[in-house]
């Protein structure tokens, strides 16, 4: 992770943290809004994108929800804009990890 994103100010001992643990990130990098942070160390991120309708040759807004691991050193909350990256499967439905909080909800 050296060089890609700034190191978080807090330290953690989470083994699934990309900064302080043994998880490596690769593949897709997405940016979205945290819509739920009720799970332990997991957040649900909504990704908005444009989809082109071939028949009518127009674009429509679509979104998808992705579950991502939320390390304690980043501590993303509902309403935050975060950047997530793909990693190995961490749980049954978790295949992404939060690597940066772009903007906090109150800012």
N, C-alpha and C. Protein backbone atom coordinates (compact mmCIF):
# COMPACT_ATOMS: atom_id res chain seq x y z
N UNK A 1 0.82 -1.20 0.00
CA UNK A 1 0.00 0.00 0.00
C UNK A 1 0.86 1.26 0.00
N UNK A 2 2.15 1.09 0.08
CA UNK A 2 3.02 2.26 0.17
C UNK A 2 2.93 3.08 -1.11
N UNK A 3 2.59 4.36 -0.96
CA UNK A 3 2.56 5.26 -2.11
C UNK A 3 1.18 5.45 -2.73
N UNK A 4 0.29 4.47 -2.64
CA UNK A 4 -1.02 4.62 -3.27
C UNK A 4 -1.92 5.58 -2.50
N UNK A 5 -2.01 5.37 -1.18
CA UNK A 5 -2.89 6.18 -0.34
C UNK A 5 -2.13 6.62 0.89
N UNK A 6 -2.55 7.74 1.51
CA UNK A 6 -1.87 8.17 2.74
C UNK A 6 -2.14 7.20 3.88
N UNK A 7 -1.13 6.98 4.70
CA UNK A 7 -1.26 6.09 5.86
C UNK A 7 -2.24 6.70 6.87
N UNK A 8 -3.16 5.91 7.43
CA UNK A 8 -4.09 6.47 8.43
C UNK A 8 -3.35 6.89 9.70
N UNK A 9 -3.85 7.94 10.38
CA UNK A 9 -3.15 8.42 11.58
C UNK A 9 -3.19 7.45 12.74
N UNK A 10 -4.27 6.64 12.86
CA UNK A 10 -4.39 5.68 13.95
C UNK A 10 -3.75 4.35 13.55
N UNK A 11 -3.30 3.59 14.54
CA UNK A 11 -2.78 2.24 14.34
C UNK A 11 -3.83 1.24 14.79
N UNK A 12 -3.84 0.08 14.19
CA UNK A 12 -4.76 -0.98 14.61
C UNK A 12 -4.04 -2.31 14.53
N UNK A 13 -4.60 -3.33 15.17
CA UNK A 13 -4.02 -4.67 15.11
C UNK A 13 -4.96 -5.64 14.42
N UNK A 14 -5.71 -5.15 13.44
CA UNK A 14 -6.66 -5.96 12.66
C UNK A 14 -5.89 -6.75 11.61
N UNK A 15 -5.98 -8.08 11.59
CA UNK A 15 -5.25 -8.85 10.57
C UNK A 15 -5.78 -8.65 9.15
N UNK A 16 -7.02 -8.13 9.01
CA UNK A 16 -7.59 -7.89 7.69
C UNK A 16 -7.43 -6.44 7.23
N UNK A 17 -6.59 -5.67 7.90
CA UNK A 17 -6.34 -4.27 7.52
C UNK A 17 -5.28 -4.24 6.43
N UNK A 18 -5.49 -3.47 5.34
CA UNK A 18 -4.48 -3.42 4.28
C UNK A 18 -3.21 -2.67 4.69
N UNK A 19 -3.26 -1.87 5.75
CA UNK A 19 -2.10 -1.11 6.20
C UNK A 19 -1.32 -1.83 7.30
N UNK A 20 -2.03 -2.40 8.28
CA UNK A 20 -1.37 -2.98 9.45
C UNK A 20 -1.52 -4.49 9.54
N UNK A 21 -2.23 -5.10 8.60
CA UNK A 21 -2.44 -6.55 8.60
C UNK A 21 -1.73 -7.21 7.43
N UNK A 22 -2.23 -8.38 7.06
CA UNK A 22 -1.58 -9.16 6.01
C UNK A 22 -2.40 -9.24 4.73
N UNK A 23 -3.42 -8.40 4.59
CA UNK A 23 -4.27 -8.43 3.40
C UNK A 23 -3.66 -7.55 2.31
N UNK A 24 -3.60 -8.09 1.11
CA UNK A 24 -3.09 -7.33 -0.03
C UNK A 24 -4.26 -6.95 -0.93
N UNK A 25 -4.19 -5.76 -1.49
CA UNK A 25 -5.26 -5.31 -2.39
C UNK A 25 -4.78 -5.40 -3.82
N UNK A 26 -5.75 -5.61 -4.72
CA UNK A 26 -5.46 -5.71 -6.15
C UNK A 26 -6.79 -5.52 -6.89
N UNK A 27 -6.73 -5.42 -8.18
CA UNK A 27 -7.96 -5.38 -8.98
C UNK A 27 -8.65 -4.03 -8.97
N UNK A 28 -9.98 -4.07 -8.89
CA UNK A 28 -10.80 -2.87 -9.05
C UNK A 28 -10.69 -1.92 -7.86
N UNK A 29 -10.73 -0.62 -8.18
CA UNK A 29 -10.79 0.41 -7.16
C UNK A 29 -12.06 1.21 -7.43
N UNK A 30 -12.96 1.31 -6.44
CA UNK A 30 -14.24 1.97 -6.60
C UNK A 30 -14.41 3.03 -5.53
N UNK A 31 -15.25 4.01 -5.82
CA UNK A 31 -15.55 5.07 -4.87
C UNK A 31 -17.06 5.16 -4.70
N UNK A 32 -17.52 5.27 -3.45
CA UNK A 32 -18.95 5.32 -3.20
C UNK A 32 -19.26 5.88 -1.83
N UNK A 33 -20.55 5.83 -1.48
CA UNK A 33 -21.05 6.38 -0.23
C UNK A 33 -21.42 5.23 0.70
N UNK A 34 -21.03 5.35 1.97
CA UNK A 34 -21.39 4.34 2.96
C UNK A 34 -22.86 4.54 3.32
N UNK A 35 -23.67 3.50 3.10
CA UNK A 35 -25.10 3.59 3.40
C UNK A 35 -25.46 2.85 4.69
N UNK A 36 -24.58 1.98 5.18
CA UNK A 36 -24.85 1.27 6.43
C UNK A 36 -23.53 0.90 7.09
N UNK A 37 -23.47 1.13 8.42
CA UNK A 37 -22.29 0.73 9.18
C UNK A 37 -22.69 -0.05 10.43
N UNK A 38 -23.79 -0.77 10.35
CA UNK A 38 -24.34 -1.48 11.52
C UNK A 38 -23.61 -2.78 11.82
N UNK A 39 -22.93 -3.36 10.85
CA UNK A 39 -22.23 -4.62 11.09
C UNK A 39 -20.89 -4.36 11.78
N UNK A 40 -20.33 -5.40 12.38
CA UNK A 40 -19.04 -5.27 13.04
C UNK A 40 -17.94 -5.30 11.99
N UNK A 41 -17.18 -4.22 11.87
CA UNK A 41 -16.03 -4.11 10.95
C UNK A 41 -16.40 -4.29 9.49
N UNK A 42 -17.67 -4.06 9.13
CA UNK A 42 -18.12 -4.16 7.74
C UNK A 42 -19.06 -3.01 7.43
N UNK A 43 -18.92 -2.43 6.24
CA UNK A 43 -19.82 -1.36 5.81
C UNK A 43 -20.42 -1.74 4.46
N UNK A 44 -21.58 -1.16 4.15
CA UNK A 44 -22.22 -1.34 2.85
C UNK A 44 -22.01 -0.04 2.07
N UNK A 45 -21.41 -0.14 0.89
CA UNK A 45 -21.07 1.02 0.08
C UNK A 45 -21.93 1.01 -1.17
N UNK A 46 -22.60 2.16 -1.46
CA UNK A 46 -23.40 2.29 -2.67
C UNK A 46 -22.54 2.90 -3.77
N UNK A 47 -22.44 2.20 -4.90
CA UNK A 47 -21.67 2.66 -6.06
C UNK A 47 -22.66 3.12 -7.11
N UNK A 48 -22.61 4.39 -7.51
CA UNK A 48 -23.47 4.93 -8.55
C UNK A 48 -22.72 4.91 -9.88
N UNK A 49 -23.43 4.53 -10.95
CA UNK A 49 -22.81 4.51 -12.27
C UNK A 49 -23.86 4.78 -13.33
N UNK A 50 -23.42 5.07 -14.54
CA UNK A 50 -24.32 5.30 -15.68
C UNK A 50 -24.34 4.05 -16.54
N UNK A 51 -25.53 3.64 -16.97
CA UNK A 51 -25.71 2.48 -17.83
C UNK A 51 -26.37 2.93 -19.12
N UNK A 52 -25.83 2.51 -20.26
CA UNK A 52 -26.33 2.94 -21.56
C UNK A 52 -27.41 1.98 -22.06
N UNK A 53 -28.56 2.54 -22.38
CA UNK A 53 -29.66 1.77 -22.96
C UNK A 53 -29.41 1.69 -24.46
N UNK A 54 -29.20 0.49 -24.97
CA UNK A 54 -28.84 0.33 -26.39
C UNK A 54 -29.99 0.70 -27.32
N UNK A 55 -31.21 0.38 -26.92
CA UNK A 55 -32.35 0.64 -27.80
C UNK A 55 -32.61 2.13 -27.96
N UNK A 56 -32.65 2.85 -26.85
CA UNK A 56 -32.99 4.27 -26.90
C UNK A 56 -31.77 5.18 -26.93
N UNK A 57 -30.57 4.59 -26.87
CA UNK A 57 -29.31 5.34 -26.96
C UNK A 57 -29.25 6.47 -25.93
N UNK A 58 -29.62 6.12 -24.70
CA UNK A 58 -29.55 7.10 -23.60
C UNK A 58 -28.91 6.42 -22.40
N UNK A 59 -28.56 7.25 -21.44
CA UNK A 59 -27.95 6.75 -20.21
C UNK A 59 -28.95 6.84 -19.08
N UNK A 60 -28.89 5.87 -18.18
CA UNK A 60 -29.70 5.94 -16.99
C UNK A 60 -28.81 5.68 -15.77
N UNK A 61 -29.19 6.28 -14.65
CA UNK A 61 -28.43 6.11 -13.42
C UNK A 61 -28.79 4.78 -12.78
N UNK A 62 -27.78 4.05 -12.37
CA UNK A 62 -27.97 2.81 -11.65
C UNK A 62 -27.02 2.79 -10.47
N UNK A 63 -27.29 1.90 -9.53
CA UNK A 63 -26.40 1.79 -8.38
C UNK A 63 -26.35 0.34 -7.94
N UNK A 64 -25.26 0.00 -7.26
CA UNK A 64 -25.13 -1.33 -6.68
C UNK A 64 -24.54 -1.18 -5.28
N UNK A 65 -24.86 -2.13 -4.43
CA UNK A 65 -24.36 -2.11 -3.06
C UNK A 65 -23.31 -3.19 -2.89
N UNK A 66 -22.18 -2.80 -2.30
CA UNK A 66 -21.06 -3.72 -2.10
C UNK A 66 -20.69 -3.70 -0.62
N UNK A 67 -20.49 -4.88 -0.05
CA UNK A 67 -20.02 -4.97 1.33
C UNK A 67 -18.50 -4.92 1.33
N UNK A 68 -17.95 -4.13 2.26
CA UNK A 68 -16.50 -3.97 2.35
C UNK A 68 -16.06 -4.02 3.80
N UNK A 69 -14.88 -4.57 4.03
CA UNK A 69 -14.32 -4.61 5.38
C UNK A 69 -13.88 -3.21 5.79
N UNK A 70 -14.20 -2.82 7.02
CA UNK A 70 -13.91 -1.48 7.53
C UNK A 70 -12.90 -1.61 8.67
N UNK A 71 -11.60 -1.36 8.40
CA UNK A 71 -10.60 -1.49 9.46
C UNK A 71 -10.81 -0.44 10.55
N UNK A 72 -10.48 -0.77 11.81
CA UNK A 72 -10.66 0.20 12.90
C UNK A 72 -9.82 1.47 12.75
N UNK A 73 -8.70 1.41 12.03
CA UNK A 73 -7.86 2.60 11.88
C UNK A 73 -8.51 3.63 10.96
N UNK A 74 -9.38 3.22 10.04
CA UNK A 74 -10.08 4.16 9.15
C UNK A 74 -11.44 4.54 9.71
N UNK A 75 -12.17 3.58 10.27
CA UNK A 75 -13.45 3.81 10.95
C UNK A 75 -14.42 4.65 10.12
N UNK A 76 -14.82 4.13 8.96
CA UNK A 76 -15.78 4.82 8.10
C UNK A 76 -17.17 4.72 8.70
N UNK A 77 -17.94 5.81 8.62
CA UNK A 77 -19.29 5.88 9.18
C UNK A 77 -20.29 6.14 8.07
N UNK A 78 -21.57 6.01 8.39
CA UNK A 78 -22.65 6.22 7.41
C UNK A 78 -22.60 7.65 6.88
N UNK A 79 -22.66 7.79 5.56
CA UNK A 79 -22.62 9.10 4.91
C UNK A 79 -21.24 9.47 4.39
N UNK A 80 -20.19 8.77 4.83
CA UNK A 80 -18.83 9.06 4.36
C UNK A 80 -18.66 8.62 2.91
N UNK A 81 -17.83 9.35 2.18
CA UNK A 81 -17.44 8.93 0.84
C UNK A 81 -16.11 8.20 0.98
N UNK A 82 -16.07 6.95 0.53
CA UNK A 82 -14.89 6.11 0.73
C UNK A 82 -14.41 5.54 -0.59
N UNK A 83 -13.14 5.13 -0.58
CA UNK A 83 -12.54 4.43 -1.71
C UNK A 83 -12.28 2.99 -1.25
N UNK A 84 -12.75 2.01 -2.03
CA UNK A 84 -12.58 0.60 -1.68
C UNK A 84 -11.80 -0.10 -2.79
N UNK A 85 -11.09 -1.15 -2.41
CA UNK A 85 -10.34 -1.94 -3.39
C UNK A 85 -10.63 -3.41 -3.20
N UNK A 86 -10.49 -4.15 -4.27
CA UNK A 86 -10.75 -5.57 -4.28
C UNK A 86 -9.63 -6.32 -3.58
N UNK A 87 -9.97 -7.42 -2.93
CA UNK A 87 -9.00 -8.25 -2.25
C UNK A 87 -9.49 -9.70 -2.30
N UNK A 88 -8.80 -10.57 -1.60
CA UNK A 88 -9.25 -11.97 -1.53
C UNK A 88 -10.56 -12.02 -0.74
N UNK A 89 -11.34 -13.09 -0.87
CA UNK A 89 -12.57 -13.16 -0.08
C UNK A 89 -12.26 -13.19 1.42
N UNK A 90 -12.82 -12.20 2.14
CA UNK A 90 -12.61 -12.11 3.59
C UNK A 90 -13.74 -12.77 4.36
N UNK A 91 -14.90 -12.92 3.73
CA UNK A 91 -16.06 -13.59 4.31
C UNK A 91 -16.92 -14.07 3.15
N UNK A 92 -18.08 -14.59 3.45
CA UNK A 92 -18.95 -15.12 2.39
C UNK A 92 -19.33 -14.05 1.38
N UNK A 93 -19.63 -12.83 1.84
CA UNK A 93 -20.07 -11.78 0.93
C UNK A 93 -19.13 -10.59 0.87
N UNK A 94 -17.99 -10.64 1.57
CA UNK A 94 -17.06 -9.50 1.63
C UNK A 94 -15.83 -9.80 0.80
N UNK A 95 -15.66 -9.03 -0.30
CA UNK A 95 -14.51 -9.20 -1.18
C UNK A 95 -13.80 -7.88 -1.45
N UNK A 96 -14.17 -6.83 -0.71
CA UNK A 96 -13.55 -5.52 -0.84
C UNK A 96 -13.13 -5.04 0.54
N UNK A 97 -12.22 -4.06 0.58
CA UNK A 97 -11.77 -3.48 1.83
C UNK A 97 -11.67 -1.96 1.64
N UNK A 98 -12.04 -1.20 2.68
CA UNK A 98 -11.94 0.25 2.64
C UNK A 98 -10.47 0.63 2.75
N UNK A 99 -9.96 1.42 1.80
CA UNK A 99 -8.56 1.83 1.83
C UNK A 99 -8.39 3.32 2.11
N UNK A 100 -9.46 4.12 1.95
CA UNK A 100 -9.35 5.56 2.18
C UNK A 100 -10.72 6.16 2.42
N UNK A 101 -10.80 7.07 3.38
CA UNK A 101 -12.00 7.86 3.57
C UNK A 101 -11.75 9.18 2.86
N UNK A 102 -12.44 9.41 1.75
CA UNK A 102 -12.23 10.60 0.93
C UNK A 102 -12.79 11.82 1.63
N UNK A 103 -14.03 11.71 2.14
CA UNK A 103 -14.66 12.84 2.83
C UNK A 103 -15.59 12.32 3.90
N UNK A 104 -15.52 12.91 5.07
CA UNK A 104 -16.39 12.54 6.18
C UNK A 104 -17.78 13.12 5.96
N UNK A 105 -18.78 12.57 6.63
CA UNK A 105 -20.17 12.96 6.42
C UNK A 105 -20.44 14.40 6.86
N UNK A 106 -19.80 14.86 7.93
CA UNK A 106 -20.09 16.20 8.44
C UNK A 106 -19.36 17.33 7.74
N UNK A 107 -18.42 17.02 6.88
CA UNK A 107 -17.60 18.06 6.24
C UNK A 107 -18.30 18.68 5.06
